[in-house]
């Protein structure tokens, strides 16, 4: 018990830590979680393979998101539409975006 107190920082003083809150949002922010497409956040993921109208194989690739800056991460999440038109809009608050960003930057550290 004492060691937990000594190792705690200001992020761990609430009922739920920023990491735990970010994890919950990453897994299910508004019905479909980031994890469904971005998996562990550290690698590109082939979301779909299809044939275009010229019978050429195309891929929808979801980028790794753990290397993004906070500014770029926030810009994508707050965009009305993504460039690919695939990334949904979640209407996240600034605190929610910051918590998800904190989580993906610290997945391996916990």
N, C-alpha and C. Protein backbone atom coordinates (compact mmCIF):
# COMPACT_ATOMS: atom_id res chain seq x y z
N UNK A 1 0.83 -1.20 0.00
CA UNK A 1 0.00 0.00 0.00
C UNK A 1 0.86 1.25 0.00
N UNK A 2 1.87 1.27 0.84
CA UNK A 2 2.75 2.43 0.91
C UNK A 2 3.49 2.65 -0.40
N UNK A 3 3.95 1.56 -1.04
CA UNK A 3 4.69 1.71 -2.29
C UNK A 3 3.81 2.30 -3.39
N UNK A 4 2.53 1.96 -3.39
CA UNK A 4 1.62 2.53 -4.37
C UNK A 4 1.54 4.04 -4.20
N UNK A 5 1.45 4.49 -2.96
CA UNK A 5 1.39 5.92 -2.68
C UNK A 5 2.66 6.61 -3.13
N UNK A 6 3.80 6.01 -2.86
CA UNK A 6 5.07 6.63 -3.20
C UNK A 6 5.29 6.71 -4.72
N UNK A 7 4.73 5.78 -5.47
CA UNK A 7 4.91 5.76 -6.91
C UNK A 7 3.83 6.52 -7.67
N UNK A 8 2.80 6.93 -6.98
CA UNK A 8 1.71 7.64 -7.65
C UNK A 8 2.16 9.03 -8.07
N UNK A 9 1.60 9.50 -9.16
CA UNK A 9 1.83 10.88 -9.56
C UNK A 9 0.47 11.54 -9.71
N UNK A 10 0.45 12.78 -10.13
CA UNK A 10 -0.82 13.49 -10.20
C UNK A 10 -1.81 12.86 -11.17
N UNK A 11 -1.33 12.08 -12.15
CA UNK A 11 -2.24 11.43 -13.09
C UNK A 11 -3.00 10.28 -12.45
N UNK A 12 -2.49 9.75 -11.34
CA UNK A 12 -3.08 8.57 -10.72
C UNK A 12 -3.92 8.89 -9.48
N UNK A 13 -4.22 10.14 -9.22
CA UNK A 13 -4.92 10.48 -7.99
C UNK A 13 -6.44 10.45 -8.11
N UNK A 14 -6.97 10.34 -9.30
CA UNK A 14 -8.42 10.31 -9.46
C UNK A 14 -8.93 8.87 -9.43
N UNK A 15 -10.23 8.74 -9.51
CA UNK A 15 -10.86 7.42 -9.51
C UNK A 15 -10.34 6.57 -10.66
N UNK A 16 -10.16 7.19 -11.79
CA UNK A 16 -9.64 6.49 -12.97
C UNK A 16 -8.46 7.31 -13.50
N UNK A 17 -7.39 6.64 -13.85
CA UNK A 17 -6.22 7.37 -14.35
C UNK A 17 -6.44 7.84 -15.78
N UNK A 18 -5.62 8.78 -16.20
CA UNK A 18 -5.68 9.28 -17.58
C UNK A 18 -5.41 8.14 -18.55
N UNK A 19 -4.49 7.24 -18.19
CA UNK A 19 -4.18 6.08 -19.04
C UNK A 19 -5.40 5.17 -19.18
N UNK A 20 -6.06 4.87 -18.06
CA UNK A 20 -7.25 4.00 -18.09
C UNK A 20 -8.39 4.65 -18.88
N UNK A 21 -8.57 5.94 -18.69
CA UNK A 21 -9.62 6.66 -19.43
C UNK A 21 -9.31 6.65 -20.92
N UNK A 22 -8.06 6.90 -21.27
CA UNK A 22 -7.64 6.85 -22.67
C UNK A 22 -7.85 5.48 -23.27
N UNK A 23 -7.54 4.43 -22.49
CA UNK A 23 -7.73 3.05 -22.96
C UNK A 23 -9.20 2.77 -23.23
N UNK A 24 -10.06 3.21 -22.33
CA UNK A 24 -11.50 3.00 -22.52
C UNK A 24 -11.99 3.71 -23.78
N UNK A 25 -11.54 4.93 -23.98
CA UNK A 25 -11.94 5.68 -25.17
C UNK A 25 -11.38 5.05 -26.44
N UNK A 26 -10.14 4.58 -26.38
CA UNK A 26 -9.50 3.95 -27.54
C UNK A 26 -10.27 2.70 -27.96
N UNK A 27 -10.76 1.98 -26.97
CA UNK A 27 -11.46 0.72 -27.26
C UNK A 27 -12.91 0.94 -27.66
N UNK A 28 -13.53 2.04 -27.21
CA UNK A 28 -14.94 2.27 -27.55
C UNK A 28 -15.34 3.71 -27.26
N UNK A 29 -14.93 4.68 -28.09
CA UNK A 29 -15.28 6.07 -27.80
C UNK A 29 -16.74 6.42 -28.06
N UNK A 30 -17.28 5.98 -29.15
CA UNK A 30 -18.67 6.30 -29.52
C UNK A 30 -19.25 5.16 -30.35
N UNK A 31 -19.13 3.95 -29.85
CA UNK A 31 -19.70 2.81 -30.55
C UNK A 31 -18.70 1.98 -31.32
N UNK A 32 -17.80 2.62 -32.06
CA UNK A 32 -16.75 1.90 -32.78
C UNK A 32 -15.42 2.44 -32.30
N UNK A 33 -14.64 1.57 -31.68
CA UNK A 33 -13.38 2.01 -31.10
C UNK A 33 -12.26 2.15 -32.10
N UNK A 34 -11.30 2.98 -31.74
CA UNK A 34 -10.09 3.17 -32.56
C UNK A 34 -9.40 1.82 -32.80
N UNK A 35 -9.48 0.96 -31.79
CA UNK A 35 -8.80 -0.34 -31.84
C UNK A 35 -9.30 -1.21 -32.99
N UNK A 36 -10.52 -1.00 -33.43
CA UNK A 36 -11.08 -1.81 -34.52
C UNK A 36 -10.26 -1.67 -35.80
N UNK A 37 -9.77 -0.47 -36.07
CA UNK A 37 -8.99 -0.23 -37.29
C UNK A 37 -7.50 -0.08 -37.02
N UNK A 38 -7.16 0.56 -35.91
CA UNK A 38 -5.75 0.86 -35.64
C UNK A 38 -5.05 -0.20 -34.79
N UNK A 39 -5.78 -1.20 -34.35
CA UNK A 39 -5.22 -2.31 -33.55
C UNK A 39 -4.37 -1.75 -32.41
N UNK A 40 -3.08 -2.10 -32.38
CA UNK A 40 -2.21 -1.66 -31.29
C UNK A 40 -1.61 -0.29 -31.48
N UNK A 41 -1.98 0.43 -32.51
CA UNK A 41 -1.58 1.81 -32.78
C UNK A 41 -0.18 1.97 -33.32
N UNK A 42 0.64 0.91 -33.33
CA UNK A 42 2.05 1.07 -33.68
C UNK A 42 2.43 0.61 -35.09
N UNK A 43 1.49 0.03 -35.83
CA UNK A 43 1.79 -0.47 -37.18
C UNK A 43 0.67 -0.12 -38.14
N UNK A 44 1.03 0.02 -39.41
CA UNK A 44 0.00 0.17 -40.44
C UNK A 44 -0.83 -1.11 -40.49
N UNK A 45 -2.11 -0.95 -40.78
CA UNK A 45 -3.01 -2.10 -40.87
C UNK A 45 -3.73 -2.03 -42.22
N UNK A 46 -3.74 -3.16 -42.94
CA UNK A 46 -4.53 -3.23 -44.18
C UNK A 46 -5.97 -3.50 -43.75
N UNK A 47 -6.80 -2.50 -43.93
CA UNK A 47 -8.19 -2.59 -43.51
C UNK A 47 -9.03 -3.37 -44.52
N UNK A 48 -8.73 -3.17 -45.80
CA UNK A 48 -9.49 -3.85 -46.86
C UNK A 48 -8.67 -3.93 -48.13
N UNK A 49 -8.95 -4.97 -48.91
CA UNK A 49 -8.38 -5.13 -50.25
C UNK A 49 -9.56 -5.30 -51.19
N UNK A 50 -9.55 -4.55 -52.28
CA UNK A 50 -10.67 -4.60 -53.22
C UNK A 50 -10.17 -4.35 -54.64
N UNK A 51 -11.03 -4.64 -55.60
CA UNK A 51 -10.72 -4.36 -57.01
C UNK A 51 -11.45 -3.08 -57.41
N UNK A 52 -10.71 -2.16 -58.03
CA UNK A 52 -11.34 -0.93 -58.49
C UNK A 52 -12.08 -1.18 -59.81
N UNK A 53 -12.63 -0.14 -60.41
CA UNK A 53 -13.44 -0.31 -61.63
C UNK A 53 -12.62 -0.79 -62.82
N UNK A 54 -11.28 -0.72 -62.72
CA UNK A 54 -10.38 -1.23 -63.78
C UNK A 54 -9.80 -2.60 -63.42
N UNK A 55 -10.41 -3.25 -62.43
CA UNK A 55 -9.97 -4.56 -61.93
C UNK A 55 -8.54 -4.54 -61.38
N UNK A 56 -8.11 -3.40 -60.90
CA UNK A 56 -6.80 -3.28 -60.25
C UNK A 56 -6.99 -3.42 -58.74
N UNK A 57 -6.14 -4.23 -58.13
CA UNK A 57 -6.23 -4.41 -56.69
C UNK A 57 -5.82 -3.13 -55.96
N UNK A 58 -6.62 -2.73 -55.02
CA UNK A 58 -6.36 -1.56 -54.19
C UNK A 58 -6.44 -1.97 -52.72
N UNK A 59 -5.78 -1.21 -51.89
CA UNK A 59 -5.81 -1.46 -50.45
C UNK A 59 -6.21 -0.19 -49.71
N UNK A 60 -6.95 -0.39 -48.65
CA UNK A 60 -7.19 0.70 -47.71
C UNK A 60 -6.26 0.43 -46.54
N UNK A 61 -5.31 1.33 -46.34
CA UNK A 61 -4.31 1.14 -45.29
C UNK A 61 -4.54 2.17 -44.19
N UNK A 62 -4.65 1.67 -42.98
CA UNK A 62 -4.81 2.52 -41.81
C UNK A 62 -3.42 2.78 -41.24
N UNK A 63 -3.04 4.04 -41.07
CA UNK A 63 -1.68 4.33 -40.61
C UNK A 63 -1.46 4.03 -39.13
N UNK A 64 -0.19 3.84 -38.79
CA UNK A 64 0.19 3.78 -37.37
C UNK A 64 -0.07 5.16 -36.79
N UNK A 65 -0.61 5.22 -35.60
CA UNK A 65 -0.94 6.53 -35.03
C UNK A 65 -0.08 6.91 -33.84
N UNK A 66 0.75 6.00 -33.36
CA UNK A 66 1.54 6.32 -32.17
C UNK A 66 2.72 7.24 -32.44
N UNK A 67 3.01 7.51 -33.70
CA UNK A 67 4.13 8.40 -34.04
C UNK A 67 3.66 9.81 -34.40
N UNK A 68 2.36 10.03 -34.43
CA UNK A 68 1.83 11.35 -34.77
C UNK A 68 2.11 12.36 -33.65
N UNK A 69 2.26 13.60 -34.03
CA UNK A 69 2.34 14.67 -33.03
C UNK A 69 0.92 14.90 -32.50
N UNK A 70 0.83 15.54 -31.35
CA UNK A 70 -0.48 15.82 -30.79
C UNK A 70 -1.29 16.73 -31.72
N UNK A 71 -0.63 17.70 -32.32
CA UNK A 71 -1.31 18.63 -33.23
C UNK A 71 -1.94 17.88 -34.40
N UNK A 72 -1.18 16.98 -35.03
CA UNK A 72 -1.71 16.21 -36.17
C UNK A 72 -2.80 15.24 -35.72
N UNK A 73 -2.59 14.60 -34.58
CA UNK A 73 -3.57 13.66 -34.03
C UNK A 73 -4.90 14.38 -33.80
N UNK A 74 -4.84 15.53 -33.16
CA UNK A 74 -6.04 16.30 -32.85
C UNK A 74 -6.72 16.80 -34.13
N UNK A 75 -5.92 17.24 -35.10
CA UNK A 75 -6.47 17.75 -36.36
C UNK A 75 -7.29 16.67 -37.07
N UNK A 76 -6.78 15.45 -37.11
CA UNK A 76 -7.51 14.35 -37.76
C UNK A 76 -8.80 14.04 -37.02
N UNK A 77 -8.73 14.02 -35.69
CA UNK A 77 -9.93 13.68 -34.92
C UNK A 77 -10.99 14.77 -34.94
N UNK A 78 -10.59 16.00 -35.18
CA UNK A 78 -11.56 17.09 -35.19
C UNK A 78 -12.02 17.47 -36.60
N UNK A 79 -11.48 16.81 -37.62
CA UNK A 79 -11.87 17.12 -39.00
C UNK A 79 -13.32 16.68 -39.24
N UNK A 80 -14.02 17.46 -40.03
CA UNK A 80 -15.40 17.09 -40.38
C UNK A 80 -15.42 15.81 -41.21
N UNK A 81 -14.44 15.69 -42.11
CA UNK A 81 -14.26 14.47 -42.91
C UNK A 81 -12.77 14.23 -43.05
N UNK A 82 -12.40 12.96 -43.07
CA UNK A 82 -11.00 12.63 -43.29
C UNK A 82 -10.70 12.65 -44.78
N UNK A 83 -9.41 12.72 -45.12
CA UNK A 83 -9.02 12.71 -46.53
C UNK A 83 -9.53 11.46 -47.24
N UNK A 84 -9.49 10.34 -46.55
CA UNK A 84 -9.90 9.08 -47.16
C UNK A 84 -11.41 8.86 -47.11
N UNK A 85 -12.10 9.69 -46.35
CA UNK A 85 -13.54 9.56 -46.12
C UNK A 85 -13.89 8.28 -45.37
N UNK A 86 -12.91 7.65 -44.75
CA UNK A 86 -13.15 6.42 -44.01
C UNK A 86 -13.15 6.66 -42.51
N UNK A 87 -12.26 7.51 -42.04
CA UNK A 87 -12.15 7.80 -40.62
C UNK A 87 -13.43 8.50 -40.16
N UNK A 88 -14.14 7.89 -39.20
CA UNK A 88 -15.37 8.51 -38.72
C UNK A 88 -15.10 9.74 -37.86
N UNK A 89 -16.11 10.56 -37.71
CA UNK A 89 -16.04 11.70 -36.80
C UNK A 89 -16.65 11.27 -35.48
N UNK A 90 -15.93 11.47 -34.39
CA UNK A 90 -16.39 11.02 -33.08
C UNK A 90 -16.91 12.14 -32.19
N UNK A 91 -16.67 13.39 -32.54
CA UNK A 91 -17.09 14.53 -31.72
C UNK A 91 -16.52 14.43 -30.31
N UNK A 92 -15.23 14.18 -30.24
CA UNK A 92 -14.54 14.04 -28.96
C UNK A 92 -14.22 15.41 -28.38
N UNK A 93 -14.23 15.49 -27.05
CA UNK A 93 -13.82 16.72 -26.38
C UNK A 93 -12.29 16.81 -26.40
N UNK A 94 -11.76 17.98 -26.10
CA UNK A 94 -10.31 18.14 -26.03
C UNK A 94 -9.69 17.22 -24.97
N UNK A 95 -10.37 17.06 -23.84
CA UNK A 95 -9.88 16.15 -22.79
C UNK A 95 -9.87 14.70 -23.26
N UNK A 96 -10.89 14.30 -24.00
CA UNK A 96 -10.94 12.93 -24.52
C UNK A 96 -9.82 12.70 -25.53
N UNK A 97 -9.60 13.66 -26.41
CA UNK A 97 -8.51 13.55 -27.39
C UNK A 97 -7.17 13.44 -26.68
N UNK A 98 -6.96 14.28 -25.67
CA UNK A 98 -5.70 14.25 -24.91
C UNK A 98 -5.52 12.91 -24.20
N UNK A 99 -6.58 12.35 -23.67
CA UNK A 99 -6.50 11.06 -22.97
C UNK A 99 -6.18 9.92 -23.93
N UNK A 100 -6.80 9.91 -25.09
CA UNK A 100 -6.50 8.87 -26.08
C UNK A 100 -5.06 9.00 -26.55
N UNK A 101 -4.62 10.23 -26.80
CA UNK A 101 -3.24 10.47 -27.22
C UNK A 101 -2.26 9.99 -26.15
N UNK A 102 -2.53 10.30 -24.90
CA UNK A 102 -1.69 9.84 -23.79
C UNK A 102 -1.63 8.31 -23.78
N UNK A 103 -2.77 7.67 -23.95
CA UNK A 103 -2.83 6.21 -23.95
C UNK A 103 -1.98 5.62 -25.07
N UNK A 104 -2.15 6.09 -26.31
CA UNK A 104 -1.40 5.47 -27.42
C UNK A 104 0.10 5.74 -27.32
N UNK A 105 0.47 6.84 -26.69
CA UNK A 105 1.90 7.12 -26.51
C UNK A 105 2.51 6.28 -25.39
N UNK A 106 1.67 5.71 -24.54
CA UNK A 106 2.16 4.97 -23.37
C UNK A 106 1.73 3.52 -23.32
N UNK A 107 1.19 2.96 -24.39
CA UNK A 107 0.70 1.58 -24.39
C UNK A 107 1.76 0.61 -23.89
N UNK A 108 2.96 0.66 -24.41
CA UNK A 108 4.02 -0.29 -24.05
C UNK A 108 4.67 0.02 -22.70
N UNK A 109 4.48 1.23 -22.20
CA UNK A 109 5.16 1.65 -20.97
C UNK A 109 4.45 1.19 -19.71
N UNK A 110 3.19 0.83 -19.81
CA UNK A 110 2.42 0.46 -18.62
C UNK A 110 2.62 -0.99 -18.25
